[in-house]
Amino acid sequence: MTRALFPITAVLVLACVPPANAQDSLVDTLSFLLTTQAVATGDFVKDRQSAEVTRDTIERLLLVELTTTPLSSSSGGFSYRFNPAIGTVERASGNFGPFFTERSLTIGARSVSVGAQAQVAHYSHLDDNDLLDGSFVTIANQFRDETQPFDVETLTLDMRSTTLTLFGNVGLHDRIDMGVAVPIVALTMDGSRINVYRGSSLLQATANAEASGFGDIALRGKFNVWSRGPSGVSLVQEVRLPTGREEDLLGSGETSFRTVFIGSAESGSIGVHGNLGTSFGGLANVLDYRGAFTVTPLSPLTLVAELLGRRIGDVGSLVQERVPHPQLAGVDTIRLTSTGDSVNTSSVVLGAKWNVGGTWLANVNVAIPLTSRGLRPDMAVLFGFDYAFAR
């Protein structure tokens, strides 16, 4: 096919093919959006191979990001200790603690707490790419003697998630807690792919899908190594079970293990907490660090500021690579692949915990990304409650 006939034939065929539509699992939807070819050309197999490289890269990035999202802290808002001077139990801290950062305090022997947190996120970016404005280039073709691609495909992807995390903790001893966190996730995806060929813009595919179900359930154990009042050092061991459906981006499909080292210092109404955690198994090894500053200006109110950071091993960032087109001399295909290196992400969390009555806590916070790596919303909002059974 000559350079003159190639654009004319492609545009005529593309104009006669209606845009495709699909409704299926989220992974199938993503595959449909990125690999469906509205134009059957002589190099279809190789075109599809490049599209599959792009699809696999984006799918892995989305899955790793969604399944390594931080869960709420295992520490209950209320913590109790027996005071021999008065012969009864009392609050171990006047502070209700952070949202995601663990504090060294356990909830106390024979104490039980339960709660629920709902987090809502509308994802707008994947690395430096805007998912919503139609500028995300997934594949392109360019003559080597031209400065711009003659054929470009762009993806618009609207993804939203609502995660309801149910959690419970029980104090087996003043130094030992056991807990469980059960995420229930609802994901929606709407997308379209546009092909721009020599200035002619045509819709090639649209697709949408919804999925809901359990995410990866976490089982946790906390051991308080050393304490002085509400300050101390603790260790948390967490196991995430592969209970979420991988084909719907709800779970990793593999068991992962996380160990967290905790240091806390509290004095009066102020608390400072730091965590260093490491995870292995699952889709990627993760090193995470968290820090929190909490202050209680009024007895029923704790204000919280947290910094959450993660280093996700070998997941990589999106980059463009050029490969020779198999059929057209002098043409390169530009597709997306991963660098394969580690990625650092961080966010800041600001919020409050309010003792609305008895041992009920109402919680609200917003999380704002600080880095431009990975899948991220402009802002995620969390709200929920904690309840401690009085001793």
Protein backbone atom coordinates (compact mmCIF):
# COMPACT_ATOMS: atom_id res chain seq x y z
CA MET A 1 0.00 0.00 0.00
CA THR A 2 1.48 3.35 -1.00
CA ARG A 3 1.54 6.43 1.17
CA ALA A 4 -1.07 8.08 -1.07
CA LEU A 5 -3.59 5.21 -1.00
CA PHE A 6 -3.16 4.36 2.68
CA PRO A 7 -4.87 7.45 4.18
CA ILE A 8 -7.72 7.44 1.63
CA THR A 9 -8.54 3.75 2.18
CA ALA A 10 -8.35 3.97 5.96
CA VAL A 11 -10.60 7.03 6.23
CA LEU A 12 -13.23 5.55 3.88
CA VAL A 13 -13.38 2.26 5.77
CA LEU A 14 -13.43 3.99 9.16
CA ALA A 15 -16.26 6.26 8.10
CA CYS A 16 -18.42 3.27 7.18
CA VAL A 17 -17.93 1.44 10.49
CA PRO A 18 -20.19 2.50 13.39
CA PRO A 19 -18.56 2.98 16.80
CA ALA A 20 -18.46 -0.20 18.85
CA ASN A 21 -20.11 -0.54 22.24
CA ALA A 22 -19.57 -3.02 25.09
CA GLN A 23 -20.73 -3.83 28.58
CA ASP A 24 -18.71 -6.44 30.47
CA SER A 25 -16.22 -6.81 33.34
CA LEU A 26 -13.91 -3.88 33.95
CA VAL A 27 -10.89 -5.70 32.53
CA ASP A 28 -12.88 -6.74 29.44
CA THR A 29 -14.14 -3.18 29.10
CA LEU A 30 -10.61 -1.81 29.22
CA SER A 31 -9.45 -4.40 26.69
CA PHE A 32 -12.35 -3.53 24.41
CA LEU A 33 -11.58 0.17 24.55
CA LEU A 34 -7.88 -0.27 23.80
CA THR A 35 -7.80 -3.16 21.32
CA THR A 36 -11.00 -2.97 19.25
CA GLN A 37 -10.05 -2.11 15.68
CA ALA A 38 -12.78 -0.38 13.66
CA VAL A 39 -10.56 -0.62 10.56
CA ALA A 40 -9.33 -4.01 9.37
CA THR A 41 -6.01 -3.36 7.66
CA GLY A 42 -3.46 -5.71 6.24
CA ASP A 43 -1.31 -5.37 9.35
CA PHE A 44 -4.15 -6.10 11.81
CA VAL A 45 -2.19 -8.65 13.87
CA LYS A 46 0.72 -6.34 14.57
CA ASP A 47 -1.60 -3.38 15.18
CA ARG A 48 -3.39 -5.51 17.78
CA GLN A 49 -0.11 -6.56 19.34
CA SER A 50 0.83 -2.91 19.95
CA ALA A 51 -2.63 -2.19 21.35
CA GLU A 52 -2.31 -5.19 23.68
CA VAL A 53 1.02 -3.92 25.01
CA THR A 54 -0.67 -0.62 25.83
CA ARG A 55 -3.69 -2.40 27.36
CA ASP A 56 -1.58 -4.69 29.58
CA THR A 57 0.48 -1.74 30.83
CA ILE A 58 -2.55 0.38 31.76
CA GLU A 59 -4.42 -2.59 33.26
CA ARG A 60 -1.52 -3.47 35.58
CA LEU A 61 -1.07 0.13 36.71
CA LEU A 62 -4.78 0.46 37.50
CA LEU A 63 -4.90 -2.88 39.34
CA VAL A 64 -1.82 -2.19 41.47
CA GLU A 65 -3.02 1.29 42.41
CA LEU A 66 -6.56 0.21 43.30
CA THR A 67 -5.54 -2.86 45.33
CA THR A 68 -2.80 -1.15 47.37
CA THR A 69 -4.95 1.79 48.50
CA PRO A 70 -4.39 2.36 52.25
CA LEU A 71 -7.07 0.98 54.57
CA SER A 72 -8.24 2.74 57.71
CA SER A 73 -6.12 2.36 60.85
CA SER A 74 -6.68 -0.69 63.04
CA SER A 75 -6.59 1.53 66.15
CA GLY A 76 -9.96 2.30 67.72
CA GLY A 77 -10.83 5.85 68.66
CA PHE A 78 -11.39 4.83 72.27
CA SER A 79 -8.68 3.07 74.29
CA TYR A 80 -9.08 1.88 77.88
CA ARG A 81 -6.77 0.85 80.72
CA PHE A 82 -7.44 -0.35 84.25
CA ASN A 83 -6.46 2.27 86.85
CA PRO A 84 -5.68 0.53 90.17
CA ALA A 85 -5.81 3.85 92.02
CA ILE A 86 -9.53 4.20 91.36
CA GLY A 87 -10.31 0.50 90.89
CA THR A 88 -11.89 0.81 87.44
CA VAL A 89 -11.05 1.34 83.77
CA GLU A 90 -10.53 4.78 82.23
CA ARG A 91 -9.65 6.31 78.87
CA ALA A 92 -5.97 5.72 78.12
CA SER A 93 -5.88 8.84 75.95
CA GLY A 94 -8.03 11.92 75.53
CA ASN A 95 -7.10 11.85 71.83
CA PHE A 96 -9.11 9.86 69.26
CA GLY A 97 -6.11 9.12 67.02
CA PRO A 98 -5.42 9.32 63.25
CA PHE A 99 -7.35 7.92 60.29
CA PHE A 100 -4.76 5.85 58.39
CA THR A 101 -1.64 6.11 60.53
CA GLU A 102 -1.45 3.51 63.28
CA ARG A 103 -0.88 4.66 66.85
CA SER A 104 0.90 2.53 69.43
CA LEU A 105 -2.07 2.32 71.82
CA THR A 106 -4.18 -0.82 71.78
CA ILE A 107 -7.87 -0.62 72.67
CA GLY A 108 -7.43 -2.49 75.96
CA ALA A 109 -8.14 -5.98 77.28
CA ARG A 110 -11.68 -7.24 76.62
CA SER A 111 -12.55 -4.06 74.74
CA VAL A 112 -14.32 -4.21 71.37
CA SER A 113 -14.72 -1.54 68.71
CA VAL A 114 -16.46 -1.58 65.34
CA GLY A 115 -16.88 0.97 62.60
CA ALA A 116 -17.45 1.80 58.96
CA GLN A 117 -15.70 4.25 56.64
CA ALA A 118 -16.92 5.23 53.17
CA GLN A 119 -14.41 6.79 50.75
CA VAL A 120 -15.42 8.32 47.42
CA ALA A 121 -12.92 9.02 44.63
CA HIS A 122 -13.21 10.27 41.04
CA TYR A 123 -9.97 9.42 39.25
CA SER A 124 -8.75 12.15 36.94
CA HIS A 125 -5.11 11.31 36.15
CA LEU A 126 -2.84 8.35 35.42
CA ASP A 127 0.74 9.54 35.83
CA ASP A 128 0.98 12.78 33.80
CA ASN A 129 -2.00 11.87 31.61
CA ASP A 130 -5.41 13.49 32.03
CA LEU A 131 -8.05 10.75 31.81
CA LEU A 132 -11.01 13.08 31.32
CA ASP A 133 -10.15 15.71 28.70
CA GLY A 134 -9.45 13.45 25.69
CA SER A 135 -5.71 14.22 25.51
CA PHE A 136 -4.48 10.76 26.64
CA VAL A 137 -2.67 9.30 23.60
CA THR A 138 -2.56 5.50 23.71
CA ILE A 139 -1.15 4.65 20.26
CA ALA A 140 0.01 6.53 17.18
CA ASN A 141 1.74 6.03 13.83
CA GLN A 142 4.29 8.39 12.33
CA PHE A 143 6.34 8.55 9.13
CA ARG A 144 9.99 8.94 10.05
CA ASP A 145 10.43 11.89 7.69
CA GLU A 146 7.50 13.78 9.31
CA THR A 147 7.50 15.68 12.58
CA GLN A 148 4.02 14.65 13.76
CA PRO A 149 2.05 11.38 13.77
CA PHE A 150 -0.47 11.01 10.95
CA ASP A 151 -2.63 8.61 12.98
CA VAL A 152 -3.40 9.13 16.69
CA GLU A 153 -5.73 7.34 19.08
CA THR A 154 -6.79 9.01 22.33
CA LEU A 155 -8.63 7.55 25.29
CA THR A 156 -11.13 9.19 27.61
CA LEU A 157 -11.66 7.17 30.79
CA ASP A 158 -14.06 8.17 33.57
CA MET A 159 -13.46 5.99 36.65
CA ARG A 160 -15.17 6.36 40.02
CA SER A 161 -14.91 4.29 43.16
CA THR A 162 -16.83 4.09 46.41
CA THR A 163 -15.22 1.95 49.10
CA LEU A 164 -17.09 1.03 52.26
CA THR A 165 -14.69 -0.47 54.79
CA LEU A 166 -16.20 -2.35 57.72
CA PHE A 167 -13.77 -3.01 60.55
CA GLY A 168 -13.69 -4.49 64.00
CA ASN A 169 -11.07 -4.81 66.73
CA VAL A 170 -10.96 -6.81 69.95
CA GLY A 171 -8.46 -6.43 72.78
CA LEU A 172 -7.12 -9.82 73.83
CA HIS A 173 -4.78 -8.17 76.33
CA ASP A 174 -3.76 -4.64 77.22
CA ARG A 175 -0.87 -5.15 74.79
CA ILE A 176 -2.53 -7.28 72.07
CA ASP A 177 -5.30 -6.43 69.58
CA MET A 178 -6.78 -8.52 66.79
CA GLY A 179 -8.80 -6.98 64.00
CA VAL A 180 -10.35 -7.34 60.58
CA ALA A 181 -11.05 -4.82 57.80
CA VAL A 182 -13.54 -5.75 55.08
CA PRO A 183 -13.61 -3.40 52.06
CA ILE A 184 -16.70 -3.44 49.86
CA VAL A 185 -15.92 -1.68 46.60
CA ALA A 186 -18.11 -0.26 43.83
CA LEU A 187 -16.30 0.77 40.63
CA THR A 188 -17.73 2.37 37.51
CA MET A 189 -15.92 2.90 34.22
CA ASP A 190 -17.06 4.84 31.15
CA GLY A 191 -14.73 5.33 28.26
CA SER A 192 -14.35 6.16 24.59
CA ARG A 193 -11.55 6.02 22.05
CA ILE A 194 -11.13 8.56 19.26
CA ASN A 195 -9.04 8.03 16.14
CA VAL A 196 -7.65 11.16 14.45
CA TYR A 197 -6.34 10.33 10.98
CA ARG A 198 -4.84 13.17 8.94
CA GLY A 199 -7.15 15.61 10.69
CA SER A 200 -10.29 13.45 10.44
CA SER A 201 -11.66 12.63 13.90
CA LEU A 202 -13.86 9.55 14.25
CA LEU A 203 -15.21 7.66 17.25
CA GLN A 204 -13.95 4.06 17.24
CA ALA A 205 -15.27 2.58 20.47
CA THR A 206 -17.32 3.36 23.56
CA ALA A 207 -17.76 1.11 26.57
CA ASN A 208 -19.01 1.16 30.10
CA ALA A 209 -19.00 -1.27 33.02
CA GLU A 210 -19.82 -1.44 36.69
CA ALA A 211 -18.51 -3.81 39.33
CA SER A 212 -19.10 -4.20 43.03
CA GLY A 213 -18.11 -6.71 45.67
CA PHE A 214 -15.59 -7.47 48.33
CA GLY A 215 -12.10 -6.10 48.01
CA ASP A 216 -9.13 -7.88 49.58
CA ILE A 217 -9.97 -8.48 53.25
CA ALA A 218 -7.28 -7.62 55.80
CA LEU A 219 -6.62 -9.54 59.04
CA ARG A 220 -4.53 -7.65 61.57
CA GLY A 221 -2.72 -8.19 64.83
CA LYS A 222 -1.09 -5.49 66.96
CA PHE A 223 1.44 -5.97 69.76
CA ASN A 224 2.43 -3.13 72.05
CA VAL A 225 6.16 -3.57 72.67
CA TRP A 226 6.68 -0.69 75.09
CA SER A 227 4.44 1.99 76.54
CA ARG A 228 4.48 4.94 78.89
CA GLY A 229 0.99 6.27 79.23
CA PRO A 230 -0.44 6.87 75.73
CA SER A 231 3.08 6.97 74.19
CA GLY A 232 4.89 3.85 73.06
CA VAL A 233 6.17 1.49 70.39
CA SER A 234 4.09 -1.22 68.69
CA LEU A 235 4.18 -3.71 65.85
CA VAL A 236 1.34 -4.58 63.45
CA GLN A 237 1.20 -7.65 61.24
CA GLU A 238 -1.41 -7.64 58.46
CA VAL A 239 -2.47 -10.26 55.94
CA ARG A 240 -4.55 -9.28 52.91
CA LEU A 241 -6.53 -12.17 51.50
CA PRO A 242 -7.31 -12.40 47.74
CA THR A 243 -11.08 -12.06 48.20
CA GLY A 244 -11.62 -9.39 45.53
CA ARG A 245 -12.27 -10.27 41.89
CA GLU A 246 -9.15 -9.50 39.88
CA GLU A 247 -11.09 -9.33 36.60
CA ASP A 248 -13.08 -6.40 37.98
CA LEU A 249 -10.06 -4.60 39.49
CA LEU A 250 -11.46 -5.28 42.98
CA GLY A 251 -8.59 -7.44 44.21
CA SER A 252 -5.01 -8.46 43.46
CA GLY A 253 -5.70 -12.19 43.17
CA GLU A 254 -2.77 -12.93 45.51
CA THR A 255 -2.16 -12.96 49.25
CA SER A 256 0.03 -10.16 50.60
CA PHE A 257 1.69 -9.56 53.96
CA ARG A 258 2.42 -6.24 55.63
CA THR A 259 4.51 -5.45 58.71
CA VAL A 260 4.27 -2.00 60.35
CA PHE A 261 6.56 -0.46 62.95
CA ILE A 262 4.80 2.21 65.04
CA GLY A 263 6.05 4.98 67.26
CA SER A 264 3.74 7.35 69.16
CA ALA A 265 4.26 10.29 71.49
CA GLU A 266 1.29 11.91 73.23
CA SER A 267 1.28 14.70 75.75
CA GLY A 268 -1.97 16.27 76.88
CA SER A 269 -4.11 17.12 73.88
CA ILE A 270 -1.35 16.64 71.27
CA GLY A 271 -0.24 13.41 69.61
CA VAL A 272 2.46 12.61 67.06
CA HIS A 273 2.56 9.22 65.37
CA GLY A 274 4.88 7.64 62.79
CA ASN A 275 4.72 4.38 60.82
CA LEU A 276 7.12 2.48 58.60
CA GLY A 277 5.57 -0.47 56.78
CA THR A 278 6.71 -3.05 54.27
CA SER A 279 4.52 -5.34 52.16
CA PHE A 280 5.39 -8.32 50.03
CA GLY A 281 3.33 -10.70 47.93
CA GLY A 282 0.35 -9.48 45.99
CA LEU A 283 1.06 -7.65 42.73
CA ALA A 284 3.97 -5.56 44.00
CA ASN A 285 6.21 -5.06 47.00
CA VAL A 286 5.37 -1.80 48.79
CA LEU A 287 7.31 0.31 51.27
CA ASP A 288 5.03 2.80 52.98
CA TYR A 289 5.52 5.56 55.50
CA ARG A 290 2.86 7.49 57.37
CA GLY A 291 2.93 10.33 59.84
CA ALA A 292 0.14 12.02 61.78
CA PHE A 293 -0.31 15.03 64.01
CA THR A 294 -3.44 15.08 66.16
CA VAL A 295 -4.73 17.76 68.50
CA THR A 296 -7.81 17.83 70.74
CA PRO A 297 -8.84 21.48 71.21
CA LEU A 298 -12.14 20.38 72.80
CA SER A 299 -12.78 17.13 74.67
CA PRO A 300 -15.19 15.75 72.04
CA LEU A 301 -13.11 16.86 69.00
CA THR A 302 -9.80 15.64 67.54
CA LEU A 303 -8.30 17.38 64.50
CA VAL A 304 -6.03 15.25 62.30
CA ALA A 305 -3.34 15.99 59.72
CA GLU A 306 -1.58 13.04 58.06
CA LEU A 307 1.07 12.42 55.42
CA LEU A 308 0.81 9.12 53.55
CA GLY A 309 3.58 7.92 51.26
CA ARG A 310 4.23 4.73 49.29
CA ARG A 311 7.05 3.31 47.20
CA ILE A 312 5.54 0.67 44.91
CA GLY A 313 8.19 -1.67 43.58
CA ASP A 314 8.59 -2.44 39.86
CA VAL A 315 5.18 -1.11 38.82
CA GLY A 316 6.74 1.58 36.64
CA SER A 317 5.41 4.71 34.99
CA LEU A 318 3.81 5.14 31.58
CA VAL A 319 6.25 5.99 28.77
CA GLN A 320 6.00 5.97 25.00
CA GLU A 321 8.14 3.60 22.95
CA ARG A 322 8.65 3.41 19.21
CA VAL A 323 8.65 0.16 17.25
CA PRO A 324 8.94 -0.27 13.47
CA HIS A 325 5.64 -0.77 11.71
CA PRO A 326 5.65 -4.33 10.26
CA GLN A 327 4.01 -3.51 6.91
CA LEU A 328 4.67 0.14 6.15
CA ALA A 329 8.24 1.09 5.31
CA GLY A 330 9.45 4.23 7.05
CA VAL A 331 6.65 4.19 9.64
CA ASP A 332 6.98 3.79 13.42
CA THR A 333 4.23 2.74 15.81
CA ILE A 334 4.22 4.68 19.09
CA ARG A 335 2.70 2.76 21.98
CA LEU A 336 2.62 2.87 25.79
CA THR A 337 4.76 0.70 28.00
CA SER A 338 6.06 0.76 31.56
CA THR A 339 9.48 1.82 32.77
CA GLY A 340 9.37 -1.08 35.24
CA ASP A 341 10.98 0.93 38.03
CA SER A 342 9.60 1.81 41.47
CA VAL A 343 7.06 4.60 41.82
CA ASN A 344 6.71 7.02 44.73
CA THR A 345 3.33 8.50 45.60
CA SER A 346 2.19 10.63 48.52
CA SER A 347 -0.89 12.45 49.76
CA VAL A 348 -1.98 14.65 52.63
CA VAL A 349 -5.07 13.88 54.72
CA LEU A 350 -6.95 16.52 56.72
CA GLY A 351 -9.96 15.75 58.87
CA ALA A 352 -11.68 15.55 62.22
CA LYS A 353 -13.17 13.03 64.65
CA TRP A 354 -16.16 14.11 66.71
CA ASN A 355 -17.56 12.34 69.77
CA VAL A 356 -21.24 12.73 68.98
CA GLY A 357 -22.38 10.94 72.13
CA GLY A 358 -21.41 8.06 74.40
CA THR A 359 -18.71 6.07 72.61
CA TRP A 360 -19.81 7.07 69.10
CA LEU A 361 -17.32 8.87 66.86
CA ALA A 362 -18.18 10.59 63.58
CA ASN A 363 -15.26 10.90 61.15
CA VAL A 364 -14.64 12.99 58.04
CA ASN A 365 -11.51 13.74 56.02
CA VAL A 366 -10.22 14.68 52.58
CA ALA A 367 -7.13 13.21 50.92
CA ILE A 368 -5.22 15.33 48.40
CA PRO A 369 -2.41 13.89 46.20
CA LEU A 370 0.98 15.59 46.46
CA THR A 371 2.71 13.74 43.59
CA SER A 372 1.92 13.25 39.92
CA ARG A 373 2.57 9.49 39.81
CA GLY A 374 0.07 6.66 39.57
CA LEU A 375 -3.72 6.66 39.40
CA ARG A 376 -5.15 9.50 41.43
CA PRO A 377 -8.20 11.68 41.99
CA ASP A 378 -8.00 15.41 42.50
CA MET A 379 -9.40 14.74 45.96
CA ALA A 380 -10.90 11.77 47.83
CA VAL A 381 -13.49 12.23 50.57
CA LEU A 382 -14.00 9.85 53.52
CA PHE A 383 -16.72 9.82 56.12
CA GLY A 384 -17.81 7.25 58.67
CA PHE A 385 -18.17 6.29 62.31
CA ASP A 386 -16.54 4.29 65.14
CA TYR A 387 -18.29 2.70 68.07
CA ALA A 388 -16.63 1.25 71.16
CA PHE A 389 -18.52 -1.11 73.46
CA ALA A 390 -18.22 0.42 76.94
CA ARG A 391 -16.44 -1.72 79.51
